[in-house]
Amino acid sequence: MRVTDLAAYYRMSLNSVSKHIKVLEAAGLVTRKTVGRVHYISAELGPVSLFDNWFKQLRSTWEMRLEKLDALLNKDEQDERSEPDSEPSN
């Protein structure tokens, strides 16, 4: 995709879009190819898949922890309901 075509989607100058693209290039998320005065960019999805895999693992860990917490809270709630009221008698 041409950088100018990408810039048309946003309410910012071509120079600003180009600066954003340079940051993405530095992060390895896009590559730029220049043909004459035209700049073409393409997405590099390899790094994104690394983050996706990491987030899946992290999500799995937190889901397990939250399920354990939910079970513990439900158990405590049930225990409180099953205990007889202990009001002091006069």
PDB file of N, CA and C in Angstrom:
ATOM      1  N   MET A   1       0.849  -1.168   0.000  1.00  0.00           N
ATOM      2  CA  MET A   1       0.000   0.000   0.000  1.00  0.00           C
ATOM      3  C   MET A   1       0.896   1.233   0.000  1.00  0.00           C
ATOM      4  N   ARG A   2       0.480   2.225  -0.726  1.00  0.00           N
ATOM      5  CA  ARG A   2       1.254   3.473  -0.742  1.00  0.00           C
ATOM      6  C   ARG A   2       0.986   4.259   0.537  1.00  0.00           C
ATOM      7  N   VAL A   3       2.001   4.918   1.023  1.00  0.00           N
ATOM      8  CA  VAL A   3       1.860   5.715   2.241  1.00  0.00           C
ATOM      9  C   VAL A   3       0.818   6.803   2.031  1.00  0.00           C
ATOM     10  N   THR A   4       0.797   7.415   0.864  1.00  0.00           N
ATOM     11  CA  THR A   4      -0.196   8.469   0.589  1.00  0.00           C
ATOM     12  C   THR A   4      -1.622   7.916   0.639  1.00  0.00           C
ATOM     13  N   ASP A   5      -1.814   6.681   0.172  1.00  0.00           N
ATOM     14  CA  ASP A   5      -3.141   6.065   0.244  1.00  0.00           C
ATOM     15  C   ASP A   5      -3.546   5.816   1.694  1.00  0.00           C
ATOM     16  N   LEU A   6      -2.605   5.371   2.490  1.00  0.00           N
ATOM     17  CA  LEU A   6      -2.871   5.146   3.909  1.00  0.00           C
ATOM     18  C   LEU A   6      -3.206   6.461   4.602  1.00  0.00           C
ATOM     19  N   ALA A   7      -2.469   7.491   4.280  1.00  0.00           N
ATOM     20  CA  ALA A   7      -2.667   8.800   4.913  1.00  0.00           C
ATOM     21  C   ALA A   7      -4.051   9.369   4.607  1.00  0.00           C
ATOM     22  N   ALA A   8      -4.628   9.001   3.487  1.00  0.00           N
ATOM     23  CA  ALA A   8      -5.943   9.515   3.106  1.00  0.00           C
ATOM     24  C   ALA A   8      -7.031   9.069   4.082  1.00  0.00           C
ATOM     25  N   TYR A   9      -6.814   7.986   4.821  1.00  0.00           N
ATOM     26  CA  TYR A   9      -7.799   7.487   5.776  1.00  0.00           C
ATOM     27  C   TYR A   9      -7.828   8.291   7.072  1.00  0.00           C
ATOM     28  N   TYR A  10      -6.837   9.128   7.306  1.00  0.00           N
ATOM     29  CA  TYR A  10      -6.704   9.794   8.597  1.00  0.00           C
ATOM     30  C   TYR A  10      -6.723  11.305   8.445  1.00  0.00           C
ATOM     31  N   ARG A  11      -7.121  11.956   9.508  1.00  0.00           N
ATOM     32  CA  ARG A  11      -7.145  13.418   9.523  1.00  0.00           C
ATOM     33  C   ARG A  11      -5.831  13.928  10.098  1.00  0.00           C
ATOM     34  N   MET A  12      -4.759  13.643   9.381  1.00  0.00           N
ATOM     35  CA  MET A  12      -3.443  14.127   9.778  1.00  0.00           C
ATOM     36  C   MET A  12      -2.622  14.319   8.509  1.00  0.00           C
ATOM     37  N   SER A  13      -1.567  15.049   8.647  1.00  0.00           N
ATOM     38  CA  SER A  13      -0.732  15.329   7.482  1.00  0.00           C
ATOM     39  C   SER A  13       0.037  14.089   7.048  1.00  0.00           C
ATOM     40  N   LEU A  14       0.463  14.095   5.798  1.00  0.00           N
ATOM     41  CA  LEU A  14       1.278  13.003   5.278  1.00  0.00           C
ATOM     42  C   LEU A  14       2.556  12.864   6.091  1.00  0.00           C
ATOM     43  N   ASN A  15       3.127  13.986   6.506  1.00  0.00           N
ATOM     44  CA  ASN A  15       4.336  13.967   7.319  1.00  0.00           C
ATOM     45  C   ASN A  15       4.090  13.273   8.666  1.00  0.00           C
ATOM     46  N   SER A  16       2.945  13.534   9.277  1.00  0.00           N
ATOM     47  CA  SER A  16       2.621  12.889  10.555  1.00  0.00           C
ATOM     48  C   SER A  16       2.436  11.393  10.381  1.00  0.00           C
ATOM     49  N   VAL A  17       1.752  10.992   9.331  1.00  0.00           N
ATOM     50  CA  VAL A  17       1.561   9.565   9.057  1.00  0.00           C
ATOM     51  C   VAL A  17       2.918   8.906   8.840  1.00  0.00           C
ATOM     52  N   SER A  18       3.784   9.575   8.095  1.00  0.00           N
ATOM     53  CA  SER A  18       5.109   9.036   7.829  1.00  0.00           C
ATOM     54  C   SER A  18       5.897   8.843   9.130  1.00  0.00           C
ATOM     55  N   LYS A  19       5.761   9.772  10.061  1.00  0.00           N
ATOM     56  CA  LYS A  19       6.441   9.640  11.355  1.00  0.00           C
ATOM     57  C   LYS A  19       5.908   8.437  12.127  1.00  0.00           C
ATOM     58  N   HIS A  20       4.610   8.232  12.098  1.00  0.00           N
ATOM     59  CA  HIS A  20       4.026   7.069  12.763  1.00  0.00           C
ATOM     60  C   HIS A  20       4.538   5.775  12.127  1.00  0.00           C
ATOM     61  N   ILE A  21       4.633   5.779  10.816  1.00  0.00           N
ATOM     62  CA  ILE A  21       5.118   4.595  10.110  1.00  0.00           C
ATOM     63  C   ILE A  21       6.569   4.300  10.485  1.00  0.00           C
ATOM     64  N   LYS A  22       7.358   5.329  10.671  1.00  0.00           N
ATOM     65  CA  LYS A  22       8.755   5.124  11.078  1.00  0.00           C
ATOM     66  C   LYS A  22       8.834   4.425  12.436  1.00  0.00           C
ATOM     67  N   VAL A  23       7.930   4.757  13.333  1.00  0.00           N
ATOM     68  CA  VAL A  23       7.894   4.088  14.642  1.00  0.00           C
ATOM     69  C   VAL A  23       7.535   2.617  14.454  1.00  0.00           C
ATOM     70  N   LEU A  24       6.539   2.352  13.593  1.00  0.00           N
ATOM     71  CA  LEU A  24       6.150   0.967  13.322  1.00  0.00           C
ATOM     72  C   LEU A  24       7.285   0.200  12.646  1.00  0.00           C
ATOM     73  N   GLU A  25       8.024   0.884  11.782  1.00  0.00           N
ATOM     74  CA  GLU A  25       9.192   0.252  11.152  1.00  0.00           C
ATOM     75  C   GLU A  25      10.237  -0.120  12.196  1.00  0.00           C
ATOM     76  N   ALA A  26      10.513   0.800  13.103  1.00  0.00           N
ATOM     77  CA  ALA A  26      11.512   0.550  14.146  1.00  0.00           C
ATOM     78  C   ALA A  26      11.102  -0.635  15.022  1.00  0.00           C
ATOM     79  N   ALA A  27       9.797  -0.830  15.185  1.00  0.00           N
ATOM     80  CA  ALA A  27       9.292  -1.946  15.989  1.00  0.00           C
ATOM     81  C   ALA A  27       9.224  -3.242  15.187  1.00  0.00           C
ATOM     82  N   GLY A  28       9.503  -3.157  13.890  1.00  0.00           N
ATOM     83  CA  GLY A  28       9.470  -4.346  13.042  1.00  0.00           C
ATOM     84  C   GLY A  28       8.077  -4.770  12.624  1.00  0.00           C
ATOM     85  N   LEU A  29       7.109  -3.854  12.737  1.00  0.00           N
ATOM     86  CA  LEU A  29       5.726  -4.182  12.414  1.00  0.00           C
ATOM     87  C   LEU A  29       5.345  -3.873  10.968  1.00  0.00           C
ATOM     88  N   VAL A  30       6.111  -3.010  10.316  1.00  0.00           N
ATOM     89  CA  VAL A  30       5.902  -2.719   8.894  1.00  0.00           C
ATOM     90  C   VAL A  30       7.254  -2.595   8.204  1.00  0.00           C
ATOM     91  N   THR A  31       7.243  -2.803   6.906  1.00  0.00           N
ATOM     92  CA  THR A  31       8.433  -2.539   6.097  1.00  0.00           C
ATOM     93  C   THR A  31       8.055  -1.519   5.032  1.00  0.00           C
ATOM     94  N   ARG A  32       9.041  -0.730   4.640  1.00  0.00           N
ATOM     95  CA  ARG A  32       8.814   0.310   3.650  1.00  0.00           C
ATOM     96  C   ARG A  32       9.732   0.040   2.461  1.00  0.00           C
ATOM     97  N   LYS A  33       9.172   0.185   1.278  1.00  0.00           N
ATOM     98  CA  LYS A  33       9.945   0.047   0.045  1.00  0.00           C
ATOM     99  C   LYS A  33       9.721   1.310  -0.772  1.00  0.00           C
ATOM    100  N   THR A  34      10.813   1.903  -1.230  1.00  0.00           N
ATOM    101  CA  THR A  34      10.705   3.135  -1.993  1.00  0.00           C
ATOM    102  C   THR A  34      11.000   2.853  -3.459  1.00  0.00           C
ATOM    103  N   VAL A  35      10.091   3.275  -4.316  1.00  0.00           N
ATOM    104  CA  VAL A  35      10.272   3.162  -5.771  1.00  0.00           C
ATOM    105  C   VAL A  35      10.134   4.572  -6.318  1.00  0.00           C
ATOM    106  N   GLY A  36      11.267   5.155  -6.666  1.00  0.00           N
ATOM    107  CA  GLY A  36      11.250   6.563  -7.082  1.00  0.00           C
ATOM    108  C   GLY A  36      10.875   7.422  -5.897  1.00  0.00           C
ATOM    109  N   ARG A  37       9.801   8.176  -6.066  1.00  0.00           N
ATOM    110  CA  ARG A  37       9.333   9.030  -4.969  1.00  0.00           C
ATOM    111  C   ARG A  37       8.159   8.413  -4.212  1.00  0.00           C
ATOM    112  N   VAL A  38       7.762   7.231  -4.610  1.00  0.00           N
ATOM    113  CA  VAL A  38       6.609   6.583  -3.991  1.00  0.00           C
ATOM    114  C   VAL A  38       7.084   5.602  -2.920  1.00  0.00           C
ATOM    115  N   HIS A  39       6.468   5.697  -1.753  1.00  0.00           N
ATOM    116  CA  HIS A  39       6.800   4.820  -0.633  1.00  0.00           C
ATOM    117  C   HIS A  39       5.665   3.816  -0.440  1.00  0.00           C
ATOM    118  N   TYR A  40       6.026   2.543  -0.422  1.00  0.00           N
ATOM    119  CA  TYR A  40       5.065   1.468  -0.198  1.00  0.00           C
ATOM    120  C   TYR A  40       5.340   0.842   1.165  1.00  0.00           C
ATOM    121  N   ILE A  41       4.295   0.510   1.865  1.00  0.00           N
ATOM    122  CA  ILE A  41       4.470  -0.159   3.151  1.00  0.00           C
ATOM    123  C   ILE A  41       3.697  -1.476   3.142  1.00  0.00           C
ATOM    124  N   SER A  42       4.193  -2.402   3.929  1.00  0.00           N
ATOM    125  CA  SER A  42       3.476  -3.664   4.109  1.00  0.00           C
ATOM    126  C   SER A  42       3.622  -4.096   5.563  1.00  0.00           C
ATOM    127  N   ALA A  43       2.594  -4.776   6.036  1.00  0.00           N
ATOM    128  CA  ALA A  43       2.571  -5.226   7.421  1.00  0.00           C
ATOM    129  C   ALA A  43       3.444  -6.457   7.591  1.00  0.00           C
ATOM    130  N   GLU A  44       4.104  -6.525   8.726  1.00  0.00           N
ATOM    131  CA  GLU A  44       4.887  -7.696   9.124  1.00  0.00           C
ATOM    132  C   GLU A  44       4.174  -8.294  10.320  1.00  0.00           C
ATOM    133  N   LEU A  45       3.471  -9.394  10.101  1.00  0.00           N
ATOM    134  CA  LEU A  45       2.616  -9.940  11.155  1.00  0.00           C
ATOM    135  C   LEU A  45       3.334 -10.924  12.080  1.00  0.00           C
ATOM    136  N   GLY A  46       4.572 -11.266  11.772  1.00  0.00           N
ATOM    137  CA  GLY A  46       5.325 -12.176  12.638  1.00  0.00           C
ATOM    138  C   GLY A  46       5.392 -11.703  14.081  1.00  0.00           C
ATOM    139  N   PRO A  47       5.821 -10.461  14.324  1.00  0.00           N
ATOM    140  CA  PRO A  47       5.876  -9.980  15.712  1.00  0.00           C
ATOM    141  C   PRO A  47       4.500  -9.949  16.377  1.00  0.00           C
ATOM    142  N   VAL A  48       3.469  -9.698  15.602  1.00  0.00           N
ATOM    143  CA  VAL A  48       2.120  -9.659  16.168  1.00  0.00           C
ATOM    144  C   VAL A  48       1.710 -11.047  16.659  1.00  0.00           C
ATOM    145  N   SER A  49       2.076 -12.077  15.913  1.00  0.00           N
ATOM    146  CA  SER A  49       1.716 -13.440  16.333  1.00  0.00           C
ATOM    147  C   SER A  49       2.451 -13.823  17.619  1.00  0.00           C
ATOM    148  N   LEU A  50       3.664 -13.309  17.826  1.00  0.00           N
ATOM    149  CA  LEU A  50       4.372 -13.559  19.083  1.00  0.00           C
ATOM    150  C   LEU A  50       3.602 -12.979  20.264  1.00  0.00           C
ATOM    151  N   PHE A  51       3.119 -11.745  20.110  1.00  0.00           N
ATOM    152  CA  PHE A  51       2.328 -11.116  21.164  1.00  0.00           C
ATOM    153  C   PHE A  51       1.010 -11.860  21.363  1.00  0.00           C
ATOM    154  N   ASP A  52       0.393 -12.286  20.273  1.00  0.00           N
ATOM    155  CA  ASP A  52      -0.864 -13.012  20.367  1.00  0.00           C
ATOM    156  C   ASP A  52      -0.686 -14.294  21.172  1.00  0.00           C
ATOM    157  N   ASN A  53       0.368 -15.035  20.899  1.00  0.00           N
ATOM    158  CA  ASN A  53       0.635 -16.267  21.658  1.00  0.00           C
ATOM    159  C   ASN A  53       0.878 -15.976  23.131  1.00  0.00           C
ATOM    160  N   TRP A  54       1.634 -14.927  23.409  1.00  0.00           N
ATOM    161  CA  TRP A  54       1.920 -14.551  24.794  1.00  0.00           C
ATOM    162  C   TRP A  54       0.638 -14.168  25.517  1.00  0.00           C
ATOM    163  N   PHE A  55      -0.240 -13.379  24.851  1.00  0.00           N
ATOM    164  CA  PHE A  55      -1.504 -12.979  25.472  1.00  0.00           C
ATOM    165  C   PHE A  55      -2.414 -14.180  25.708  1.00  0.00           C
ATOM    166  N   LYS A  56      -2.399 -15.155  24.813  1.00  0.00           N
ATOM    167  CA  LYS A  56      -3.212 -16.354  25.010  1.00  0.00           C
ATOM    168  C   LYS A  56      -2.768 -17.096  26.261  1.00  0.00           C
ATOM    169  N   GLN A  57      -1.461 -17.219  26.449  1.00  0.00           N
ATOM    170  CA  GLN A  57      -0.943 -17.887  27.642  1.00  0.00           C
ATOM    171  C   GLN A  57      -1.304 -17.101  28.907  1.00  0.00           C
ATOM    172  N   LEU A  58      -1.146 -15.801  28.829  1.00  0.00           N
ATOM    173  CA  LEU A  58      -1.455 -14.942  29.965  1.00  0.00           C
ATOM    174  C   LEU A  58      -2.949 -15.013  30.292  1.00  0.00           C
ATOM    175  N   ARG A  59      -3.783 -14.975  29.273  1.00  0.00           N
ATOM    176  CA  ARG A  59      -5.229 -15.055  29.473  1.00  0.00           C
ATOM    177  C   ARG A  59      -5.601 -16.375  30.145  1.00  0.00           C
ATOM    178  N   SER A  60      -5.003 -17.463  29.693  1.00  0.00           N
ATOM    179  CA  SER A  60      -5.274 -18.775  30.266  1.00  0.00           C
ATOM    180  C   SER A  60      -4.915 -18.811  31.753  1.00  0.00           C
ATOM    181  N   THR A  61      -3.779 -18.252  32.095  1.00  0.00           N
ATOM    182  CA  THR A  61      -3.334 -18.213  33.489  1.00  0.00           C
ATOM    183  C   THR A  61      -4.312 -17.416  34.340  1.00  0.00           C
ATOM    184  N   TRP A  62      -4.717 -16.250  33.863  1.00  0.00           N
ATOM    185  CA  TRP A  62      -5.625 -15.409  34.646  1.00  0.00           C
ATOM    186  C   TRP A  62      -7.015 -16.017  34.742  1.00  0.00           C
ATOM    187  N   GLU A  63      -7.477 -16.670  33.686  1.00  0.00           N
ATOM    188  CA  GLU A  63      -8.783 -17.320  33.759  1.00  0.00           C
ATOM    189  C   GLU A  63      -8.776 -18.402  34.835  1.00  0.00           C
ATOM    190  N   MET A  64      -7.690 -19.174  34.889  1.00  0.00           N
ATOM    191  CA  MET A  64      -7.578 -20.224  35.891  1.00  0.00           C
ATOM    192  C   MET A  64      -7.573 -19.612  37.300  1.00  0.00           C
ATOM    193  N   ARG A  65      -6.813 -18.538  37.482  1.00  0.00           N
ATOM    194  CA  ARG A  65      -6.734 -17.897  38.799  1.00  0.00           C
ATOM    195  C   ARG A  65      -8.085 -17.311  39.206  1.00  0.00           C
ATOM    196  N   LEU A  66      -8.769 -16.700  38.262  1.00  0.00           N
ATOM    197  CA  LEU A  66     -10.064 -16.106  38.579  1.00  0.00           C
ATOM    198  C   LEU A  66     -11.104 -17.174  38.885  1.00  0.00           C
ATOM    199  N   GLU A  67     -11.031 -18.302  38.197  1.00  0.00           N
ATOM    200  CA  GLU A  67     -11.949 -19.398  38.486  1.00  0.00           C
ATOM    201  C   GLU A  67     -11.713 -19.929  39.903  1.00  0.00           C
ATOM    202  N   LYS A  68     -10.447 -20.049  40.305  1.00  0.00           N
ATOM    203  CA  LYS A  68     -10.133 -20.496  41.666  1.00  0.00           C
ATOM    204  C   LYS A  68     -10.638 -19.485  42.699  1.00  0.00           C
ATOM    205  N   LEU A  69     -10.460 -18.214  42.415  1.00  0.00           N
ATOM    206  CA  LEU A  69     -10.934 -17.174  43.325  1.00  0.00           C
ATOM    207  C   LEU A  69     -12.456 -17.231  43.433  1.00  0.00           C
ATOM    208  N   ASP A  70     -13.135 -17.384  42.320  1.00  0.00           N
ATOM    209  CA  ASP A  70     -14.596 -17.473  42.318  1.00  0.00           C
ATOM    210  C   ASP A  70     -15.062 -18.670  43.144  1.00  0.00           C
ATOM    211  N   ALA A  71     -14.406 -19.811  42.965  1.00  0.00           N
ATOM    212  CA  ALA A  71     -14.768 -21.009  43.732  1.00  0.00           C
ATOM    213  C   ALA A  71     -14.558 -20.779  45.221  1.00  0.00           C
ATOM    214  N   LEU A  72     -13.463 -20.152  45.586  1.00  0.00           N
ATOM    215  CA  LEU A  72     -13.172 -19.871  46.998  1.00  0.00           C
ATOM    216  C   LEU A  72     -14.209 -18.923  47.589  1.00  0.00           C
ATOM    217  N   LEU A  73     -14.555 -17.885  46.859  1.00  0.00           N
ATOM    218  CA  LEU A  73     -15.550 -16.927  47.354  1.00  0.00           C
ATOM    219  C   LEU A  73     -16.917 -17.582  47.489  1.00  0.00           C
ATOM    220  N   ASN A  74     -17.275 -18.416  46.533  1.00  0.00           N
ATOM    221  CA  ASN A  74     -18.563 -19.124  46.618  1.00  0.00           C
ATOM    222  C   ASN A  74     -18.580 -20.086  47.796  1.00  0.00           C
ATOM    223  N   LYS A  75     -17.454 -20.758  48.050  1.00  0.00           N
ATOM    224  CA  LYS A  75     -17.366 -21.677  49.188  1.00  0.00           C
ATOM    225  C   LYS A  75     -17.528 -20.911  50.499  1.00  0.00           C
ATOM    226  N   ASP A  76     -16.836 -19.774  50.614  1.00  0.00           N
ATOM    227  CA  ASP A  76     -16.956 -18.962  51.830  1.00  0.00           C
ATOM    228  C   ASP A  76     -18.399 -18.495  52.028  1.00  0.00           C
ATOM    229  N   GLU A  77     -19.046 -18.110  50.961  1.00  0.00           N
ATOM    230  CA  GLU A  77     -20.424 -17.645  51.036  1.00  0.00           C
ATOM    231  C   GLU A  77     -21.347 -18.782  51.488  1.00  0.00           C
ATOM    232  N   GLN A  78     -21.128 -19.978  50.964  1.00  0.00           N
ATOM    233  CA  GLN A  78     -21.932 -21.130  51.358  1.00  0.00           C
ATOM    234  C   GLN A  78     -21.676 -21.504  52.815  1.00  0.00           C
ATOM    235  N   ASP A  79     -20.413 -21.430  53.229  1.00  0.00           N
ATOM    236  CA  ASP A  79     -20.076 -21.731  54.623  1.00  0.00           C
ATOM    237  C   ASP A  79     -20.775 -20.761  55.571  1.00  0.00           C
ATOM    238  N   GLU A  80     -20.822 -19.491  55.210  1.00  0.00           N
ATOM    239  CA  GLU A  80     -21.472 -18.483  56.053  1.00  0.00           C
ATOM    240  C   GLU A  80     -22.961 -18.755  56.159  1.00  0.00           C
ATOM    241  N   ARG A  81     -23.568 -19.217  55.082  1.00  0.00           N
ATOM    242  CA  ARG A  81     -25.001 -19.496  55.091  1.00  0.00           C
ATOM    243  C   ARG A  81     -25.332 -20.722  55.947  1.00  0.00           C
ATOM    244  N   SER A  82     -24.420 -21.689  55.965  1.00  0.00           N
ATOM    245  CA  SER A  82     -24.697 -22.934  56.695  1.00  0.00           C
ATOM    246  C   SER A  82     -24.390 -22.836  58.182  1.00  0.00           C
ATOM    247  N   GLU A  83     -23.669 -21.810  58.620  1.00  0.00           N
ATOM    248  CA  GLU A  83     -23.359 -21.646  60.043  1.00  0.00           C
ATOM    249  C   GLU A  83     -24.589 -21.116  60.768  1.00  0.00           C
ATOM    250  N   PRO A  84     -24.884 -21.664  61.955  1.00  0.00           N
ATOM    251  CA  PRO A  84     -26.026 -21.137  62.720  1.00  0.00           C
ATOM    252  C   PRO A  84     -25.706 -19.729  63.211  1.00  0.00           C
ATOM    253  N   ASP A  85     -26.759 -18.954  63.334  1.00  0.00           N
ATOM    254  CA  ASP A  85     -26.564 -17.594  63.864  1.00  0.00           C
ATOM    255  C   ASP A  85     -26.122 -17.689  65.319  1.00  0.00           C
ATOM    256  N   SER A  86     -25.128 -16.956  65.641  1.00  0.00           N
ATOM    257  CA  SER A  86     -24.626 -17.009  67.021  1.00  0.00           C
ATOM    258  C   SER A  86     -24.885 -15.672  67.690  1.00  0.00           C
ATOM    259  N   GLU A  87     -26.149 -15.482  68.085  1.00  0.00           N
ATOM    260  CA  GLU A  87     -26.508 -14.256  68.799  1.00  0.00           C
ATOM    261  C   GLU A  87     -26.385 -14.496  70.292  1.00  0.00           C
ATOM    262  N   PRO A  88     -25.823 -13.558  70.999  1.00  0.00           N
ATOM    263  CA  PRO A  88     -25.705 -13.739  72.453  1.00  0.00           C
ATOM    264  C   PRO A  88     -27.069 -13.725  73.110  1.00  0.00           C
ATOM    265  N   SER A  89     -27.276 -14.596  74.079  1.00  0.00           N
ATOM    266  CA  SER A  89     -28.561 -14.628  74.791  1.00  0.00           C
ATOM    267  C   SER A  89     -28.415 -13.934  76.141  1.00  0.00           C
ATOM    268  N   ASN A  90     -29.476 -13.304  76.599  1.00  0.00           N
ATOM    269  CA  ASN A  90     -29.446 -12.568  77.863  1.00  0.00           C
ATOM    270  C   ASN A  90     -29.943 -13.379  78.981  1.00  0.00           C
TER     271      ASN A  90
END
